[in-house]
Amino acid sequence: MNDLKGKTALVTSATKGIGLACALKLAEQGAQVFMAVRRVADTQSICSAHRAEGLRMIPIYFDATETDSYAAMVEAVIQQAGKIDILVNNFGIGQPGEDLDLVNGSEAAFFRILELNLGSVYRISKLVVPHMCAGGGGSIVNISSIGGLIPDVTRIGYGVSKAAVNSITQQIALQYARNNIRCNAVLPGLTATDAAIQNMPEAFVRSFLSHVPLNRIGRPEDIADAVLFLAGDASSYITGHILDVAGGYGLGTPQYAEYTGRQASGPAAP
C-alpha cells in the first residue's frame, strides 16, 4: 500500500519483540525507519535481511541509560533524513524481582523504572517535537501498558511509570495539536514477546488469560497494527487517545473468569 511512502520514522528499542514488529510494519508501508538500539551490529543484520524486500531500515545507536545518546540519536536521523515524521517511543523496562508492592518493593527500582520509562518518552519527545514543528507536523506513538490503567498487587513502579506515560501522551497532544503534531499511546496487554513468555510461569499465563475475553495472548504484530494506524493518515483526526490493545482485559467484572468457567482453561500460545 505504501501509505507511509516518503515518511521518516524513528523507533526505539527495535531489535526484537514489539519494537521490531513496529519497525517492520512501518517499513512495509513505505517509511524509512531508523531503529534506535544498543546492539547496532545485530540490528544491521536484520536490516540487511529485509533489504531485498525493498524495506528501508537503518540502525542507529541508542541506550536509554546514557542520556547523551538521546540527542546523538535524534541528530543522526536529522543528518541522514532531514526530518522525523513518526516517533515510536517503544523503550521500556520492568524489574519484577524488585518492583513489588509499596512496602516490600525496592525504592531504588521504583525510581529507576520511573526515570527510564517516563524519562525516555519525555527526553526523546522533547528533542523530536521541534523538528516536527519545523517540518509541518508529525505523529508520536508511545508504547505504554494496560498496567498503566489497571492497578496490580505488585509492580507498583511499572504501573505508575506507564500511567505517567499515558498522562504525558495527552499533555503533548494538547500542547502541540496547533503544530499538527499528534500524540497517542498504545497499551499492550500480555504479549508474546520472548521477554514476557520466558519470565512468566504457565500457571500465571493461564490465570491471566481467564480474564481476557478474546482468550489469547497478544502478538507483537497486534501492537504494531495499532501503531501503524496511529502513525499514518488514517488516524489524522485522532490525538491524545489511550488505546488498549489487550484482548478486552479489564473490560469485564472481576467475576468474569468465574462466570465463563475459564479459570484454568484457555490457550497459552498466541
C-alpha atoms as a PDB file:
ATOM      1  CA  MET A   1       0.000   0.000   0.000  1.00  0.00           C
ATOM      2  CA  ASN A   2       2.924   2.344   0.734  1.00  0.00           C
ATOM      3  CA  ASP A   3       0.742   4.675   2.782  1.00  0.00           C
ATOM      4  CA  LEU A   4       3.869   5.977   4.517  1.00  0.00           C
ATOM      5  CA  LYS A   5       5.969   6.479   1.420  1.00  0.00           C
ATOM      6  CA  GLY A   6       8.226   9.482   1.893  1.00  0.00           C
ATOM      7  CA  LYS A   7       7.888   9.398   5.691  1.00  0.00           C
ATOM      8  CA  THR A   8      10.770   9.031   8.137  1.00  0.00           C
ATOM      9  CA  ALA A   9      10.165   7.073  11.328  1.00  0.00           C
ATOM     10  CA  LEU A  10      12.222   6.599  14.477  1.00  0.00           C
ATOM     11  CA  VAL A  11      11.502   3.511  16.614  1.00  0.00           C
ATOM     12  CA  THR A  12      13.347   2.950  19.891  1.00  0.00           C
ATOM     13  CA  SER A  13      14.395  -0.496  21.154  1.00  0.00           C
ATOM     14  CA  ALA A  14      13.572  -2.064  17.819  1.00  0.00           C
ATOM     15  CA  THR A  15      15.774  -5.172  17.762  1.00  0.00           C
ATOM     16  CA  LYS A  16      13.039  -7.618  18.770  1.00  0.00           C
ATOM     17  CA  GLY A  17       9.522  -8.029  20.078  1.00  0.00           C
ATOM     18  CA  ILE A  18       7.085  -5.144  19.753  1.00  0.00           C
ATOM     19  CA  GLY A  19       9.755  -2.705  18.595  1.00  0.00           C
ATOM     20  CA  LEU A  20      10.873  -4.899  15.719  1.00  0.00           C
ATOM     21  CA  ALA A  21       7.275  -5.625  14.715  1.00  0.00           C
ATOM     22  CA  CYS A  22       6.586  -1.875  14.620  1.00  0.00           C
ATOM     23  CA  ALA A  23       9.703  -1.142  12.589  1.00  0.00           C
ATOM     24  CA  LEU A  24       8.825  -3.831  10.050  1.00  0.00           C
ATOM     25  CA  LYS A  25       5.202  -2.722   9.794  1.00  0.00           C
ATOM     26  CA  LEU A  26       6.148   0.914   9.161  1.00  0.00           C
ATOM     27  CA  ALA A  27       8.822  -0.067   6.642  1.00  0.00           C
ATOM     28  CA  GLU A  28       6.411  -2.362   4.806  1.00  0.00           C
ATOM     29  CA  GLN A  29       4.149   0.655   4.332  1.00  0.00           C
ATOM     30  CA  GLY A  30       6.942   2.653   2.705  1.00  0.00           C
ATOM     31  CA  ALA A  31       8.529   4.557   5.576  1.00  0.00           C
ATOM     32  CA  GLN A  32      12.258   4.907   6.027  1.00  0.00           C
ATOM     33  CA  VAL A  33      12.698   3.517   9.530  1.00  0.00           C
ATOM     34  CA  PHE A  34      15.545   4.308  11.885  1.00  0.00           C
ATOM     35  CA  MET A  35      15.870   1.606  14.517  1.00  0.00           C
ATOM     36  CA  ALA A  36      17.341   3.053  17.711  1.00  0.00           C
ATOM     37  CA  VAL A  37      19.127   0.233  19.511  1.00  0.00           C
ATOM     38  CA  ARG A  38      22.091  -0.717  21.683  1.00  0.00           C
ATOM     39  CA  ARG A  39      23.104  -3.676  19.506  1.00  0.00           C
ATOM     40  CA  VAL A  40      23.754  -1.898  16.227  1.00  0.00           C
ATOM     41  CA  ALA A  41      25.586  -4.798  14.554  1.00  0.00           C
ATOM     42  CA  ASP A  42      22.811  -7.285  15.333  1.00  0.00           C
ATOM     43  CA  THR A  43      20.202  -4.849  14.060  1.00  0.00           C
ATOM     44  CA  GLN A  44      22.198  -4.196  10.902  1.00  0.00           C
ATOM     45  CA  SER A  45      21.869  -7.895  10.125  1.00  0.00           C
ATOM     46  CA  ILE A  46      18.087  -7.587  10.466  1.00  0.00           C
ATOM     47  CA  CYS A  47      18.044  -4.555   8.175  1.00  0.00           C
ATOM     48  CA  SER A  48      20.213  -6.273   5.573  1.00  0.00           C
ATOM     49  CA  ALA A  49      17.991  -9.354   5.630  1.00  0.00           C
ATOM     50  CA  HIS A  50      14.967  -7.248   4.709  1.00  0.00           C
ATOM     51  CA  ARG A  51      16.688  -5.034   2.162  1.00  0.00           C
ATOM     52  CA  ALA A  52      15.863  -7.466  -0.654  1.00  0.00           C
ATOM     53  CA  GLU A  53      12.183  -6.862   0.132  1.00  0.00           C
ATOM     54  CA  GLY A  54      12.680  -3.172  -0.528  1.00  0.00           C
ATOM     55  CA  LEU A  55      12.431  -2.193   3.131  1.00  0.00           C
ATOM     56  CA  ARG A  56      14.480   0.813   4.200  1.00  0.00           C
ATOM     57  CA  MET A  57      15.616   0.145   7.758  1.00  0.00           C
ATOM     58  CA  ILE A  58      18.665   1.764   9.330  1.00  0.00           C
ATOM     59  CA  PRO A  59      20.149   1.043  12.788  1.00  0.00           C
ATOM     60  CA  ILE A  60      21.402   3.881  14.979  1.00  0.00           C
ATOM     61  CA  TYR A  61      22.834   3.759  18.466  1.00  0.00           C
ATOM     62  CA  PHE A  62      20.624   4.464  21.481  1.00  0.00           C
ATOM     63  CA  ASP A  63      20.961   3.454  25.120  1.00  0.00           C
ATOM     64  CA  ALA A  64      18.263   4.716  27.463  1.00  0.00           C
ATOM     65  CA  THR A  65      20.695   4.635  30.371  1.00  0.00           C
ATOM     66  CA  GLU A  66      23.066   7.013  28.555  1.00  0.00           C
ATOM     67  CA  THR A  67      21.373  10.392  28.345  1.00  0.00           C
ATOM     68  CA  ASP A  68      23.993  11.667  25.879  1.00  0.00           C
ATOM     69  CA  SER A  69      22.797   9.080  23.371  1.00  0.00           C
ATOM     70  CA  TYR A  70      19.341  10.696  23.146  1.00  0.00           C
ATOM     71  CA  ALA A  71      20.472  13.856  21.380  1.00  0.00           C
ATOM     72  CA  ALA A  72      23.037  11.955  19.306  1.00  0.00           C
ATOM     73  CA  MET A  73      20.318   9.566  18.134  1.00  0.00           C
ATOM     74  CA  VAL A  74      17.948  12.333  17.029  1.00  0.00           C
ATOM     75  CA  GLU A  75      20.758  14.302  15.396  1.00  0.00           C
ATOM     76  CA  ALA A  76      21.853  11.218  13.441  1.00  0.00           C
ATOM     77  CA  VAL A  77      18.356  10.831  11.996  1.00  0.00           C
ATOM     78  CA  ILE A  78      18.135  14.511  11.094  1.00  0.00           C
ATOM     79  CA  GLN A  79      21.550  14.435   9.444  1.00  0.00           C
ATOM     80  CA  GLN A  80      20.665  11.403   7.331  1.00  0.00           C
ATOM     81  CA  ALA A  81      16.985  12.032   6.590  1.00  0.00           C
ATOM     82  CA  GLY A  82      16.454  15.728   7.301  1.00  0.00           C
ATOM     83  CA  LYS A  83      13.242  15.151   9.246  1.00  0.00           C
ATOM     84  CA  ILE A  84      11.289  12.910  11.606  1.00  0.00           C
ATOM     85  CA  ASP A  85       7.631  12.354  10.716  1.00  0.00           C
ATOM     86  CA  ILE A  86       6.893   9.463  13.072  1.00  0.00           C
ATOM     87  CA  LEU A  87       8.282   8.703  16.522  1.00  0.00           C
ATOM     88  CA  VAL A  88       7.527   5.432  18.276  1.00  0.00           C
ATOM     89  CA  ASN A  89       8.694   5.546  21.890  1.00  0.00           C
ATOM     90  CA  ASN A  90       8.865   1.810  22.421  1.00  0.00           C
ATOM     91  CA  PHE A  91      11.620   1.565  25.033  1.00  0.00           C
ATOM     92  CA  GLY A  92      10.545   0.387  28.465  1.00  0.00           C
ATOM     93  CA  ILE A  93      11.827  -1.731  31.338  1.00  0.00           C
ATOM     94  CA  GLY A  94      10.430  -3.700  34.232  1.00  0.00           C
ATOM     95  CA  GLN A  95      12.137  -5.171  37.294  1.00  0.00           C
ATOM     96  CA  PRO A  96       9.588  -7.684  38.625  1.00  0.00           C
ATOM     97  CA  GLY A  97      12.071  -9.221  41.040  1.00  0.00           C
ATOM     98  CA  GLU A  98      12.491  -5.910  42.894  1.00  0.00           C
ATOM     99  CA  ASP A  99       9.435  -3.898  41.885  1.00  0.00           C
ATOM    100  CA  LEU A 100       6.839  -5.309  44.256  1.00  0.00           C
ATOM    101  CA  ASP A 101       4.154  -3.638  46.368  1.00  0.00           C
ATOM    102  CA  LEU A 102       4.575  -0.280  48.106  1.00  0.00           C
ATOM    103  CA  VAL A 103       6.079  -1.584  51.365  1.00  0.00           C
ATOM    104  CA  ASN A 104       8.112  -4.548  50.112  1.00  0.00           C
ATOM    105  CA  GLY A 105       9.347  -3.201  46.797  1.00  0.00           C
ATOM    106  CA  SER A 106      12.727  -1.602  46.203  1.00  0.00           C
ATOM    107  CA  GLU A 107      12.664   2.189  46.327  1.00  0.00           C
ATOM    108  CA  ALA A 108      15.682   2.292  44.027  1.00  0.00           C
ATOM    109  CA  ALA A 109      13.912   0.086  41.495  1.00  0.00           C
ATOM    110  CA  PHE A 110      10.763   2.229  41.684  1.00  0.00           C
ATOM    111  CA  PHE A 111      12.593   5.416  40.797  1.00  0.00           C
ATOM    112  CA  ARG A 112      14.836   3.765  38.205  1.00  0.00           C
ATOM    113  CA  ILE A 113      11.787   2.434  36.360  1.00  0.00           C
ATOM    114  CA  LEU A 114      10.095   5.830  36.543  1.00  0.00           C
ATOM    115  CA  GLU A 115      13.243   7.602  35.363  1.00  0.00           C
ATOM    116  CA  LEU A 116      13.730   5.317  32.378  1.00  0.00           C
ATOM    117  CA  ASN A 117      10.152   4.625  31.277  1.00  0.00           C
ATOM    118  CA  LEU A 118       8.846   8.156  31.688  1.00  0.00           C
ATOM    119  CA  GLY A 119      12.181   9.900  31.238  1.00  0.00           C
ATOM    120  CA  SER A 120      12.853   8.314  27.847  1.00  0.00           C
ATOM    121  CA  VAL A 121       9.470   9.419  26.480  1.00  0.00           C
ATOM    122  CA  TYR A 122       9.952  12.919  27.896  1.00  0.00           C
ATOM    123  CA  ARG A 123      13.517  13.404  26.679  1.00  0.00           C
ATOM    124  CA  ILE A 124      13.123  11.925  23.207  1.00  0.00           C
ATOM    125  CA  SER A 125       9.854  13.717  22.521  1.00  0.00           C
ATOM    126  CA  LYS A 126      11.386  16.979  23.753  1.00  0.00           C
ATOM    127  CA  LEU A 127      14.158  16.567  21.176  1.00  0.00           C
ATOM    128  CA  VAL A 128      11.929  15.434  18.306  1.00  0.00           C
ATOM    129  CA  VAL A 129       8.972  17.823  18.629  1.00  0.00           C
ATOM    130  CA  PRO A 130      10.912  20.927  17.461  1.00  0.00           C
ATOM    131  CA  HIS A 131      11.869  19.078  14.271  1.00  0.00           C
ATOM    132  CA  MET A 132       8.253  18.027  13.752  1.00  0.00           C
ATOM    133  CA  CYS A 133       7.153  21.629  14.256  1.00  0.00           C
ATOM    134  CA  ALA A 134       9.663  22.786  11.658  1.00  0.00           C
ATOM    135  CA  GLY A 135       8.512  20.067   9.266  1.00  0.00           C
ATOM    136  CA  GLY A 136       4.822  20.864   9.464  1.00  0.00           C
ATOM    137  CA  GLY A 137       3.725  18.161  11.898  1.00  0.00           C
ATOM    138  CA  GLY A 138       4.126  14.534  12.813  1.00  0.00           C
ATOM    139  CA  SER A 139       2.833  11.616  14.824  1.00  0.00           C
ATOM    140  CA  ILE A 140       4.174  10.337  18.146  1.00  0.00           C
ATOM    141  CA  VAL A 141       3.080   6.932  19.395  1.00  0.00           C
ATOM    142  CA  ASN A 142       4.068   5.952  22.919  1.00  0.00           C
ATOM    143  CA  ILE A 143       4.074   2.303  23.919  1.00  0.00           C
ATOM    144  CA  SER A 144       2.525   2.193  27.370  1.00  0.00           C
ATOM    145  CA  SER A 145       0.850  -0.808  29.045  1.00  0.00           C
ATOM    146  CA  ILE A 146      -2.533  -1.985  30.232  1.00  0.00           C
ATOM    147  CA  GLY A 147      -0.799  -1.853  33.609  1.00  0.00           C
ATOM    148  CA  GLY A 148      -0.941   1.922  33.328  1.00  0.00           C
ATOM    149  CA  LEU A 149      -4.729   1.731  33.515  1.00  0.00           C
ATOM    150  CA  ILE A 150      -5.387  -1.189  35.841  1.00  0.00           C
ATOM    151  CA  PRO A 151      -3.608  -1.356  39.232  1.00  0.00           C
ATOM    152  CA  ASP A 152      -1.838  -4.569  40.201  1.00  0.00           C
ATOM    153  CA  VAL A 153      -0.942  -6.198  43.523  1.00  0.00           C
ATOM    154  CA  THR A 154       2.731  -5.897  42.564  1.00  0.00           C
ATOM    155  CA  ARG A 155       4.992  -3.971  40.108  1.00  0.00           C
ATOM    156  CA  ILE A 156       3.966  -0.603  41.501  1.00  0.00           C
ATOM    157  CA  GLY A 157       6.824   1.220  39.779  1.00  0.00           C
ATOM    158  CA  TYR A 158       5.979  -0.204  36.373  1.00  0.00           C
ATOM    159  CA  GLY A 159       2.292   0.637  36.711  1.00  0.00           C
ATOM    160  CA  VAL A 160       2.968   4.187  37.912  1.00  0.00           C
ATOM    161  CA  SER A 161       5.511   4.769  35.143  1.00  0.00           C
ATOM    162  CA  LYS A 162       3.072   3.656  32.457  1.00  0.00           C
ATOM    163  CA  ALA A 163       0.254   5.733  33.950  1.00  0.00           C
ATOM    164  CA  ALA A 164       2.657   8.661  33.679  1.00  0.00           C
ATOM    165  CA  VAL A 165       3.325   7.782  30.031  1.00  0.00           C
ATOM    166  CA  ASN A 166      -0.427   7.933  29.414  1.00  0.00           C
ATOM    167  CA  SER A 167      -0.543  11.370  31.011  1.00  0.00           C
ATOM    168  CA  ILE A 168       2.426  12.823  29.134  1.00  0.00           C
ATOM    169  CA  THR A 169       0.884  11.485  25.924  1.00  0.00           C
ATOM    170  CA  GLN A 170      -2.177  13.652  26.467  1.00  0.00           C
ATOM    171  CA  GLN A 171      -0.090  16.617  27.601  1.00  0.00           C
ATOM    172  CA  ILE A 172       1.935  16.527  24.388  1.00  0.00           C
ATOM    173  CA  ALA A 173      -1.199  16.004  22.295  1.00  0.00           C
ATOM    174  CA  LEU A 174      -2.862  19.093  23.730  1.00  0.00           C
ATOM    175  CA  GLN A 175       0.201  21.313  23.721  1.00  0.00           C
ATOM    176  CA  TYR A 176       1.237  20.654  20.118  1.00  0.00           C
ATOM    177  CA  ALA A 177      -2.010  19.992  18.276  1.00  0.00           C
ATOM    178  CA  ARG A 178      -1.758  23.529  16.882  1.00  0.00           C
ATOM    179  CA  ASN A 179       1.505  22.459  15.242  1.00  0.00           C
ATOM    180  CA  ASN A 180      -0.197  19.497  13.560  1.00  0.00           C
ATOM    181  CA  ILE A 181       1.569  17.076  15.874  1.00  0.00           C
ATOM    182  CA  ARG A 182      -0.494  14.178  17.119  1.00  0.00           C
ATOM    183  CA  CYS A 183       0.431  12.073  20.140  1.00  0.00           C
ATOM    184  CA  ASN A 184      -1.284   8.832  21.116  1.00  0.00           C
ATOM    185  CA  ALA A 185      -0.475   5.813  23.270  1.00  0.00           C
ATOM    186  CA  VAL A 186      -0.847   2.086  22.650  1.00  0.00           C
ATOM    187  CA  LEU A 187      -1.306  -0.081  25.741  1.00  0.00           C
ATOM    188  CA  PRO A 188      -0.389  -3.742  25.195  1.00  0.00           C
ATOM    189  CA  GLY A 189      -1.750  -6.446  27.418  1.00  0.00           C
ATOM    190  CA  LEU A 190       0.016  -9.782  27.811  1.00  0.00           C
ATOM    191  CA  THR A 191       2.005 -10.058  24.588  1.00  0.00           C
ATOM    192  CA  ALA A 192       4.020 -12.996  23.264  1.00  0.00           C
ATOM    193  CA  THR A 193       7.475 -11.456  23.329  1.00  0.00           C
ATOM    194  CA  ASP A 194      10.480 -13.524  24.405  1.00  0.00           C
ATOM    195  CA  ALA A 195      10.928 -11.352  27.498  1.00  0.00           C
ATOM    196  CA  ALA A 196       7.344 -11.892  28.598  1.00  0.00           C
ATOM    197  CA  ILE A 197       6.927 -15.583  27.858  1.00  0.00           C
ATOM    198  CA  GLN A 198      10.280 -16.697  29.254  1.00  0.00           C
ATOM    199  CA  ASN A 199       9.654 -14.970  32.576  1.00  0.00           C
ATOM    200  CA  MET A 200       6.052 -15.992  33.204  1.00  0.00           C
ATOM    201  CA  PRO A 201       5.029 -19.362  34.647  1.00  0.00           C
ATOM    202  CA  GLU A 202       2.439 -21.311  32.693  1.00  0.00           C
ATOM    203  CA  ALA A 203       0.019 -21.083  35.623  1.00  0.00           C
ATOM    204  CA  PHE A 204       0.218 -17.283  35.578  1.00  0.00           C
ATOM    205  CA  VAL A 205      -0.367 -17.116  31.825  1.00  0.00           C
ATOM    206  CA  ARG A 206      -3.472 -19.298  32.093  1.00  0.00           C
ATOM    207  CA  SER A 207      -4.771 -17.291  35.023  1.00  0.00           C
ATOM    208  CA  PHE A 208      -4.232 -14.055  33.111  1.00  0.00           C
ATOM    209  CA  LEU A 209      -5.959 -15.419  30.030  1.00  0.00           C
ATOM    210  CA  SER A 210      -9.025 -16.284  32.070  1.00  0.00           C
ATOM    211  CA  HIS A 211      -9.621 -12.527  32.264  1.00  0.00           C
ATOM    212  CA  VAL A 212      -9.024 -11.880  28.539  1.00  0.00           C
ATOM    213  CA  PRO A 213     -12.353 -12.097  26.664  1.00  0.00           C
ATOM    214  CA  LEU A 214     -10.636 -12.768  23.333  1.00  0.00           C
ATOM    215  CA  ASN A 215      -8.927 -15.720  25.037  1.00  0.00           C
ATOM    216  CA  ARG A 216      -5.441 -15.473  23.581  1.00  0.00           C
ATOM    217  CA  ILE A 217      -2.109 -13.831  24.175  1.00  0.00           C
ATOM    218  CA  GLY A 218      -1.412 -10.821  22.011  1.00  0.00           C
ATOM    219  CA  ARG A 219       1.145 -10.934  19.223  1.00  0.00           C
ATOM    220  CA  PRO A 220       3.727  -8.199  18.632  1.00  0.00           C
ATOM    221  CA  GLU A 221       2.033  -7.716  15.270  1.00  0.00           C
ATOM    222  CA  ASP A 222      -1.232  -6.857  17.034  1.00  0.00           C
ATOM    223  CA  ILE A 223       0.523  -3.964  18.722  1.00  0.00           C
ATOM    224  CA  ALA A 224       2.293  -2.970  15.518  1.00  0.00           C
ATOM    225  CA  ASP A 225      -1.020  -2.805  13.649  1.00  0.00           C
ATOM    226  CA  ALA A 226      -2.315  -0.287  16.193  1.00  0.00           C
ATOM    227  CA  VAL A 227       0.910   1.715  15.970  1.00  0.00           C
ATOM    228  CA  LEU A 228       0.679   1.775  12.176  1.00  0.00           C
ATOM    229  CA  PHE A 229      -2.880   3.092  12.354  1.00  0.00           C
ATOM    230  CA  LEU A 230      -1.961   5.864  14.771  1.00  0.00           C
ATOM    231  CA  ALA A 231       1.197   6.746  12.855  1.00  0.00           C
ATOM    232  CA  GLY A 232      -0.483   7.213   9.491  1.00  0.00           C
ATOM    233  CA  ASP A 233      -3.014   9.490   7.888  1.00  0.00           C
ATOM    234  CA  ALA A 234      -5.917   7.116   8.570  1.00  0.00           C
ATOM    235  CA  SER A 235      -5.892   8.483  12.130  1.00  0.00           C
ATOM    236  CA  SER A 236      -5.289  12.114  11.186  1.00  0.00           C
ATOM    237  CA  TYR A 237      -8.184  13.301  13.388  1.00  0.00           C
ATOM    238  CA  ILE A 238      -7.144  11.300  16.454  1.00  0.00           C
ATOM    239  CA  THR A 239      -4.856  12.657  19.144  1.00  0.00           C
ATOM    240  CA  GLY A 240      -4.467  12.211  22.885  1.00  0.00           C
ATOM    241  CA  HIS A 241      -6.008   8.753  22.643  1.00  0.00           C
ATOM    242  CA  ILE A 242      -5.073   5.981  25.080  1.00  0.00           C
ATOM    243  CA  LEU A 243      -5.677   2.797  23.102  1.00  0.00           C
ATOM    244  CA  ASP A 244      -5.517  -0.505  24.950  1.00  0.00           C
ATOM    245  CA  VAL A 245      -4.664  -3.496  22.763  1.00  0.00           C
ATOM    246  CA  ALA A 246      -5.237  -6.216  25.316  1.00  0.00           C
ATOM    247  CA  GLY A 247      -7.976  -8.520  24.056  1.00  0.00           C
ATOM    248  CA  GLY A 248     -10.558  -6.906  26.309  1.00  0.00           C
ATOM    249  CA  TYR A 249      -8.575  -7.412  29.517  1.00  0.00           C
ATOM    250  CA  GLY A 250     -10.160  -5.370  32.298  1.00  0.00           C
ATOM    251  CA  LEU A 251     -13.367  -4.928  30.342  1.00  0.00           C
ATOM    252  CA  GLY A 252     -15.473  -7.285  32.420  1.00  0.00           C
ATOM    253  CA  THR A 253     -16.353  -7.528  36.084  1.00  0.00           C
ATOM    254  CA  PRO A 254     -13.945  -9.248  38.499  1.00  0.00           C
ATOM    255  CA  GLN A 255     -16.263 -12.261  38.306  1.00  0.00           C
ATOM    256  CA  TYR A 256     -15.725 -12.651  34.544  1.00  0.00           C
ATOM    257  CA  ALA A 257     -13.414 -15.680  34.706  1.00  0.00           C
ATOM    258  CA  GLU A 258     -15.620 -17.454  37.248  1.00  0.00           C
ATOM    259  CA  TYR A 259     -18.776 -16.823  35.230  1.00  0.00           C
ATOM    260  CA  THR A 260     -17.278 -18.131  31.992  1.00  0.00           C
ATOM    261  CA  GLY A 261     -15.692 -21.142  33.681  1.00  0.00           C
ATOM    262  CA  ARG A 262     -12.267 -20.321  32.286  1.00  0.00           C
ATOM    263  CA  GLN A 263     -10.201 -20.133  35.462  1.00  0.00           C
ATOM    264  CA  ALA A 264      -7.915 -22.976  34.455  1.00  0.00           C
ATOM    265  CA  SER A 265      -8.539 -23.146  30.723  1.00  0.00           C
ATOM    266  CA  GLY A 266      -7.608 -21.185  27.677  1.00  0.00           C
ATOM    267  CA  PRO A 267      -4.684 -21.487  25.254  1.00  0.00           C
ATOM    268  CA  ALA A 268      -1.276 -20.360  26.437  1.00  0.00           C
ATOM    269  CA  ALA A 269       0.032 -19.532  22.978  1.00  0.00           C
ATOM    270  CA  PRO A 270      -0.965 -16.772  20.556  1.00  0.00           C
END
